[in-house]
Amino acid sequence: MRKLNYIRILFVLFVTTSLGVNAQDVHFSQFGQTPQLINPGATGVFDGSVRAILNYRSQWSSFGDAFTTYAASFDAPIAKGNGRHAYFGIGTNFYKDVAGKSDFGNFQAGLSFSGILPIADNHTISLGIQGAYGQYSASLARLTWGNQFNGEEFDLEVNPNETFSIQSSRYFDLGTGIYYEFKNTTTEFLGSDMSSFNVGVAGYHLNKPKQDFLSDTEDEIPMKIIAQFSGTFDMKSSSLSLIPSMFYAIQGPHKEITPGLLFKIRMGNSTKYTGLFKQGAVYFGSHYRVGDAIIPQVYLEFTDYMIGVSYDYNNSALSSVTGGNGGFEISIRYINRPKAIQRASFK
């Protein structure tokens, strides 16, 4: 009985952490709103003095206990000056993931540092490194066992007579990334026509950290490679912009490919010298996580703030269980931009 339940626990923990997502690590469908989670090289690469982002995701609530993920990040450029010379970026990020009735999850806190070099007019390249502390943990207090069932309900006062060596597991993680950005203009007034794009490649778990969540085993967290692309292409003499993007991740035998396209409608106007702004943008569109989910998204941007909402509509083989219900996600971003060059932007 004990051995059988032990195997069941392992199976449940494995399913809650890996089933239904093609990459093993925590990730968000709004990957453009998690810059340090997908590339340390993106740290400090934005127009403004500080950037702060909050993320929330609730997934698979149709299973009973929703899988919930929280994240927060903060970064800033250091000694940027006029942006024509090399400068630095520094940032920190946190996330906590809790899955299922056992509250199995992962907490991670990271510190990112980047060196940013303008290599020519409109071209910038950066190299970043990230160190992080992580911890896996679970609680068996809410689980029930066969001998606790009295014929009508589970009696938690009954001793299940189960002994497990499950414990928390801590690790140190190391990641790095290179990030390139192009912009065809150095000023950013709302309504001006511009094109820009960024592309990056990053690696996480470079040190292949050990995690011994079970006292008699020790496993390596496999290295993860991420590639991403995002662009903003304004339609000439129009308030409409096209924003294509692509996310690719591979970790061990798992991989994820998520292409998508958003439409942006710029609204309002700005003044260069008075600092009075009435501007913003609405974004809408969809991404598709290949073989897993369709992800419609809507974003509202106004002055220094952006709010994003998305929903994963599951269309994989798992949809027979989920009924198509996937994950609800929301993000809130703040960037303190210089008022003389403020402009709606997806970055």
Protein backbone atom coordinates (compact mmCIF):
# COMPACT_ATOMS: atom_id res chain seq x y z
CA MET A 1 0.00 0.00 0.00
CA ARG A 2 2.75 2.42 0.95
CA LYS A 3 4.82 1.66 -2.13
CA LEU A 4 1.81 2.01 -4.41
CA ASN A 5 0.83 5.38 -2.93
CA TYR A 6 4.45 6.51 -3.12
CA ILE A 7 4.46 5.78 -6.85
CA ARG A 8 1.16 7.60 -7.25
CA ILE A 9 2.57 10.68 -5.50
CA LEU A 10 5.55 10.70 -7.85
CA PHE A 11 3.25 10.41 -10.83
CA VAL A 12 1.03 13.25 -9.63
CA LEU A 13 4.02 15.51 -9.01
CA PHE A 14 5.42 14.73 -12.44
CA VAL A 15 2.12 15.40 -14.18
CA THR A 16 1.50 18.67 -12.37
CA THR A 17 4.90 20.00 -13.37
CA SER A 18 5.24 18.84 -16.96
CA LEU A 19 2.00 17.67 -18.54
CA GLY A 20 0.42 20.06 -21.00
CA VAL A 21 3.39 22.40 -21.39
CA ASN A 22 6.07 21.61 -23.89
CA ALA A 23 8.83 23.19 -21.82
CA GLN A 24 9.43 22.08 -18.23
CA ASP A 25 10.16 25.47 -16.69
CA VAL A 26 7.66 28.10 -15.65
CA HIS A 27 6.63 30.23 -18.58
CA PHE A 28 3.97 32.77 -19.47
CA SER A 29 1.96 33.04 -22.67
CA GLN A 30 2.62 36.79 -22.59
CA PHE A 31 6.33 36.12 -23.01
CA GLY A 32 6.96 39.70 -24.15
CA GLN A 33 6.04 40.78 -20.63
CA THR A 34 8.65 38.57 -18.94
CA PRO A 35 11.95 39.89 -20.39
CA GLN A 36 14.29 38.53 -17.71
CA LEU A 37 12.67 35.08 -17.80
CA ILE A 38 13.44 34.69 -21.50
CA ASN A 39 16.72 36.58 -21.91
CA PRO A 40 19.02 38.22 -19.31
CA GLY A 41 20.45 40.27 -22.19
CA ALA A 42 17.17 42.22 -22.34
CA THR A 43 17.81 43.64 -18.87
CA GLY A 44 17.85 47.44 -19.02
CA VAL A 45 17.17 47.56 -22.78
CA PHE A 46 14.15 49.83 -23.04
CA ASP A 47 13.29 53.51 -23.41
CA GLY A 48 12.98 54.84 -19.88
CA SER A 49 14.64 54.95 -16.50
CA VAL A 50 12.87 52.04 -14.72
CA ARG A 51 10.65 49.13 -15.73
CA ALA A 52 8.47 47.08 -13.38
CA ILE A 53 6.19 44.18 -14.39
CA LEU A 54 3.71 42.01 -12.47
CA ASN A 55 2.39 38.74 -13.91
CA TYR A 56 -0.33 36.33 -12.81
CA ARG A 57 -1.41 33.06 -14.42
CA SER A 58 -4.09 30.54 -13.44
CA GLN A 59 -4.17 27.31 -15.45
CA TRP A 60 -6.39 24.23 -15.66
CA SER A 61 -8.98 25.24 -13.08
CA SER A 62 -11.25 22.55 -14.59
CA PHE A 63 -9.03 19.97 -12.86
CA GLY A 64 -10.17 21.23 -9.46
CA ASP A 65 -7.13 22.99 -8.00
CA ALA A 66 -5.85 25.58 -10.45
CA PHE A 67 -2.14 25.72 -11.23
CA THR A 68 -1.13 29.25 -10.25
CA THR A 69 1.97 31.25 -11.10
CA TYR A 70 2.99 34.68 -9.81
CA ALA A 71 5.92 36.73 -11.07
CA ALA A 72 7.44 40.18 -10.64
CA SER A 73 10.43 41.88 -12.19
CA PHE A 74 12.25 45.18 -12.00
CA ASP A 75 15.11 46.50 -14.13
CA ALA A 76 16.84 49.73 -15.05
CA PRO A 77 19.67 51.02 -17.26
CA ILE A 78 22.72 52.32 -15.40
CA ALA A 79 24.93 55.20 -16.64
CA LYS A 80 23.01 55.34 -19.91
CA GLY A 81 23.64 59.04 -20.59
CA ASN A 82 22.52 59.91 -24.11
CA GLY A 83 22.51 56.25 -25.09
CA ARG A 84 25.33 56.64 -27.62
CA HIS A 85 27.96 54.92 -25.48
CA ALA A 86 28.14 51.62 -23.68
CA TYR A 87 26.11 51.33 -20.47
CA PHE A 88 24.79 48.69 -18.12
CA GLY A 89 21.50 47.17 -17.11
CA ILE A 90 20.60 45.65 -13.75
CA GLY A 91 17.43 43.86 -12.73
CA THR A 92 15.80 41.38 -10.40
CA ASN A 93 12.94 38.96 -10.90
CA PHE A 94 10.86 36.59 -8.79
CA TYR A 95 8.34 33.88 -9.51
CA LYS A 96 6.37 31.32 -7.54
CA ASP A 97 4.53 28.42 -9.10
CA VAL A 98 2.03 26.30 -7.14
CA ALA A 99 0.36 23.25 -8.67
CA GLY A 100 -2.39 20.93 -7.53
CA LYS A 101 -3.56 19.75 -4.15
CA SER A 102 -0.05 19.00 -2.90
CA ASP A 103 0.97 22.64 -3.46
CA PHE A 104 3.94 21.32 -5.39
CA GLY A 105 5.81 24.28 -6.78
CA ASN A 106 8.95 26.21 -7.45
CA PHE A 107 10.10 29.54 -6.07
CA GLN A 108 12.92 31.39 -7.78
CA ALA A 109 14.60 34.76 -7.23
CA GLY A 110 17.14 36.01 -9.74
CA LEU A 111 19.54 38.89 -10.27
CA SER A 112 20.40 39.95 -13.83
CA PHE A 113 23.22 42.11 -15.11
CA SER A 114 23.82 43.20 -18.72
CA GLY A 115 26.36 45.16 -20.73
CA ILE A 116 24.69 47.20 -23.49
CA LEU A 117 26.62 48.51 -26.50
CA PRO A 118 25.24 50.78 -29.27
CA ILE A 119 27.24 49.39 -32.21
CA ALA A 120 25.95 51.85 -34.83
CA ASP A 121 23.11 54.30 -35.40
CA ASN A 122 19.87 52.49 -34.56
CA HIS A 123 21.66 49.24 -33.63
CA THR A 124 22.23 47.96 -30.09
CA ILE A 125 23.61 44.68 -28.82
CA SER A 126 23.73 43.47 -25.23
CA LEU A 127 25.07 40.53 -23.29
CA GLY A 128 23.51 39.51 -20.01
CA ILE A 129 24.07 37.08 -17.18
CA GLN A 130 21.65 35.92 -14.47
CA GLY A 131 22.19 34.13 -11.20
CA ALA A 132 19.19 32.75 -9.34
CA TYR A 133 18.26 30.90 -6.16
CA GLY A 134 15.50 28.32 -6.56
CA GLN A 135 13.57 25.96 -4.32
CA TYR A 136 11.14 23.13 -5.09
CA SER A 137 8.72 22.18 -2.34
CA ALA A 138 5.45 20.36 -1.65
CA SER A 139 3.04 19.74 1.21
CA LEU A 140 1.16 16.51 1.77
CA ALA A 141 -1.17 17.94 4.41
CA ARG A 142 -4.11 18.30 2.00
CA LEU A 143 -3.77 14.86 0.38
CA THR A 144 -6.11 12.01 1.27
CA TRP A 145 -5.55 8.24 1.31
CA GLY A 146 -7.63 5.14 0.82
CA ASN A 147 -7.69 4.12 4.48
CA GLN A 148 -9.11 7.56 5.40
CA PHE A 149 -12.29 6.94 3.39
CA ASN A 150 -15.11 5.85 5.72
CA GLY A 151 -17.60 5.00 2.99
CA GLU A 152 -19.04 8.49 2.73
CA GLU A 153 -16.14 10.89 2.95
CA PHE A 154 -12.45 11.18 3.75
CA ASP A 155 -11.76 11.49 7.48
CA LEU A 156 -8.58 13.52 7.87
CA GLU A 157 -8.38 12.59 11.55
CA VAL A 158 -7.47 9.02 10.59
CA ASN A 159 -3.71 8.39 10.44
CA PRO A 160 -2.88 7.40 6.84
CA ASN A 161 0.16 5.42 8.08
CA GLU A 162 2.17 6.77 5.16
CA THR A 163 5.77 7.91 5.52
CA PHE A 164 7.51 9.87 2.78
CA SER A 165 10.93 11.39 2.38
CA ILE A 166 9.65 14.23 0.21
CA GLN A 167 11.32 17.49 1.17
CA SER A 168 12.16 20.88 -0.26
CA SER A 169 15.07 21.07 -2.67
CA ARG A 170 17.25 24.16 -3.16
CA TYR A 171 19.51 24.98 -6.07
CA PHE A 172 21.57 27.75 -7.70
CA ASP A 173 20.86 28.51 -11.35
CA LEU A 174 22.98 30.28 -13.94
CA GLY A 175 21.80 31.77 -17.23
CA THR A 176 23.10 34.04 -19.96
CA GLY A 177 21.80 35.62 -23.16
CA ILE A 178 22.63 37.86 -26.10
CA TYR A 179 20.10 40.40 -27.33
CA TYR A 180 20.06 42.60 -30.44
CA GLU A 181 17.74 45.53 -31.18
CA PHE A 182 17.22 47.71 -34.24
CA LYS A 183 15.27 50.97 -34.44
CA ASN A 184 15.06 53.21 -37.46
CA THR A 185 14.63 56.35 -35.39
CA THR A 186 16.07 57.76 -32.18
CA THR A 187 13.01 59.85 -31.36
CA GLU A 188 9.67 58.31 -30.49
CA PHE A 189 6.75 60.66 -30.92
CA LEU A 190 3.32 59.15 -31.03
CA GLY A 191 2.11 58.97 -34.62
CA SER A 192 5.55 58.89 -36.23
CA ASP A 193 6.24 56.02 -38.60
CA MET A 194 8.97 53.68 -37.47
CA SER A 195 10.12 50.10 -37.68
CA SER A 196 11.95 48.21 -34.98
CA PHE A 197 12.69 44.65 -34.04
CA ASN A 198 14.66 42.65 -31.51
CA VAL A 199 16.01 39.14 -31.52
CA GLY A 200 17.74 37.18 -28.81
CA VAL A 201 19.11 33.81 -27.79
CA ALA A 202 19.53 32.74 -24.17
CA GLY A 203 20.52 29.71 -22.14
CA TYR A 204 19.32 28.79 -18.65
CA HIS A 205 20.45 26.07 -16.20
CA LEU A 206 23.93 26.31 -17.73
CA ASN A 207 25.37 24.77 -14.56
CA LYS A 208 22.81 21.92 -14.74
CA PRO A 209 21.82 22.36 -11.09
CA LYS A 210 21.07 19.31 -9.01
CA GLN A 211 17.72 18.95 -7.30
CA ASP A 212 17.12 16.10 -4.88
CA PHE A 213 13.44 16.50 -4.16
CA LEU A 214 13.42 12.86 -3.08
CA SER A 215 16.08 11.99 -0.53
CA ASP A 216 17.20 8.87 -2.42
CA THR A 217 17.49 10.47 -5.86
CA GLU A 218 19.38 13.38 -7.39
CA ASP A 219 18.43 14.73 -10.79
CA GLU A 220 19.82 17.45 -13.00
CA ILE A 221 17.63 20.28 -14.25
CA PRO A 222 18.32 20.10 -18.00
CA MET A 223 19.69 23.10 -19.83
CA LYS A 224 17.10 25.26 -21.59
CA ILE A 225 17.71 27.26 -24.77
CA ILE A 226 15.36 30.11 -25.72
CA ALA A 227 15.19 32.07 -28.97
CA GLN A 228 12.78 34.96 -29.46
CA PHE A 229 11.89 37.65 -31.96
CA SER A 230 9.56 40.64 -31.82
CA GLY A 231 9.02 43.52 -34.20
CA THR A 232 6.95 46.69 -34.48
CA PHE A 233 6.17 47.89 -37.98
CA ASP A 234 4.10 51.04 -38.33
CA MET A 235 1.89 51.37 -41.39
CA LYS A 236 2.87 54.56 -43.17
CA SER A 237 0.55 57.54 -42.54
CA SER A 238 -1.66 55.36 -40.40
CA SER A 239 -2.30 54.74 -36.71
CA LEU A 240 -2.06 50.98 -37.30
CA SER A 241 1.03 48.90 -36.54
CA LEU A 242 1.80 45.22 -36.98
CA ILE A 243 3.64 43.38 -34.20
CA PRO A 244 4.80 39.87 -35.15
CA SER A 245 6.64 37.78 -32.57
CA MET A 246 8.02 34.30 -32.08
CA PHE A 247 9.08 32.30 -29.03
CA TYR A 248 11.03 29.05 -29.19
CA ALA A 249 12.30 26.99 -26.25
CA ILE A 250 13.90 23.59 -25.98
CA GLN A 251 14.70 21.79 -22.74
CA GLY A 252 15.68 18.15 -22.75
CA PRO A 253 13.16 16.28 -24.92
CA HIS A 254 10.59 19.09 -24.62
CA LYS A 255 10.18 22.05 -26.91
CA GLU A 256 7.77 24.91 -27.42
CA ILE A 257 7.12 27.00 -30.53
CA THR A 258 4.78 30.00 -30.21
CA PRO A 259 4.38 32.38 -33.15
CA GLY A 260 1.85 35.22 -33.18
CA LEU A 261 0.71 38.56 -34.51
CA LEU A 262 -0.77 41.58 -32.74
CA PHE A 263 -2.36 44.67 -34.23
CA LYS A 264 -1.72 47.98 -32.54
CA ILE A 265 -3.89 51.07 -32.90
CA ARG A 266 -2.21 54.25 -31.68
CA MET A 267 -4.44 56.86 -30.13
CA GLY A 268 -4.02 60.41 -28.82
CA ASN A 269 -1.36 63.02 -29.27
CA SER A 270 1.69 64.40 -27.47
CA THR A 271 3.58 67.66 -27.10
CA LYS A 272 7.36 67.82 -27.11
CA TYR A 273 8.06 70.70 -24.75
CA THR A 274 5.15 71.04 -22.32
CA GLY A 275 5.14 67.43 -21.12
CA LEU A 276 1.35 67.23 -21.55
CA PHE A 277 0.39 63.88 -23.01
CA LYS A 278 -2.84 62.32 -24.09
CA GLN A 279 -1.71 59.14 -25.74
CA GLY A 280 -2.02 55.42 -25.69
CA ALA A 281 -2.55 52.32 -27.78
CA VAL A 282 -4.74 49.24 -27.99
CA TYR A 283 -3.20 45.90 -28.98
CA PHE A 284 -5.15 42.81 -29.97
CA GLY A 285 -4.34 39.56 -31.71
CA SER A 286 -3.33 36.01 -30.98
CA HIS A 287 -0.46 33.58 -30.56
CA TYR A 288 -0.48 29.85 -31.19
CA ARG A 289 1.50 27.44 -29.05
CA VAL A 290 2.07 24.71 -31.60
CA GLY A 291 0.26 21.51 -30.69
CA ASP A 292 -1.18 22.95 -27.49
CA ALA A 293 -3.23 26.16 -27.44
CA ILE A 294 -4.60 29.21 -29.23
CA ILE A 295 -3.88 32.34 -27.18
CA PRO A 296 -6.01 35.46 -27.90
CA GLN A 297 -4.60 38.60 -26.26
CA VAL A 298 -5.60 42.20 -25.60
CA TYR A 299 -3.40 44.99 -24.23
CA LEU A 300 -4.21 48.55 -23.24
CA GLU A 301 -1.35 51.05 -23.01
CA PHE A 302 -1.72 54.55 -21.62
CA THR A 303 1.16 56.92 -20.77
CA ASP A 304 3.63 54.82 -18.77
CA TYR A 305 1.36 51.83 -18.09
CA MET A 306 0.31 48.72 -19.96
CA ILE A 307 -2.24 46.07 -18.92
CA GLY A 308 -2.46 42.79 -20.80
CA VAL A 309 -5.01 39.97 -20.66
CA SER A 310 -4.80 36.63 -22.45
CA TYR A 311 -6.39 33.20 -22.35
CA ASP A 312 -5.03 29.85 -23.49
CA TYR A 313 -7.70 27.89 -25.34
CA ASN A 314 -6.42 24.33 -25.19
CA ASN A 315 -6.72 22.35 -28.44
CA SER A 316 -4.30 19.49 -27.75
CA ALA A 317 -5.23 15.90 -26.90
CA LEU A 318 -5.68 17.11 -23.33
CA SER A 319 -8.74 19.11 -24.43
CA SER A 320 -10.89 15.99 -23.98
CA VAL A 321 -10.27 16.45 -20.25
CA THR A 322 -10.04 20.24 -20.03
CA GLY A 323 -12.92 20.98 -22.38
CA GLY A 324 -10.66 23.58 -24.00
CA ASN A 325 -10.14 25.43 -20.71
CA GLY A 326 -6.52 26.47 -20.48
CA GLY A 327 -4.91 29.37 -18.68
CA PHE A 328 -6.00 32.89 -17.81
CA GLU A 329 -3.18 35.42 -17.63
CA ILE A 330 -2.83 39.08 -16.76
CA SER A 331 0.17 41.41 -16.74
CA ILE A 332 0.72 44.97 -15.54
CA ARG A 333 3.75 46.89 -16.73
CA TYR A 334 5.13 50.30 -15.76
CA ILE A 335 7.93 52.14 -17.56
CA ASN A 336 9.04 55.59 -16.48
CA ARG A 337 9.72 57.08 -19.89
CA PRO A 338 11.33 60.45 -20.71
CA LYS A 339 8.35 62.67 -21.45
CA ALA A 340 9.98 64.35 -24.42
CA ILE A 341 10.27 61.09 -26.35
CA GLN A 342 7.31 59.13 -25.05
CA ARG A 343 5.56 56.82 -27.48
CA ALA A 344 3.38 53.73 -27.30
CA SER A 345 5.55 50.69 -27.70
CA PHE A 346 5.24 46.96 -27.00
CA LYS A 347 8.66 46.78 -25.37
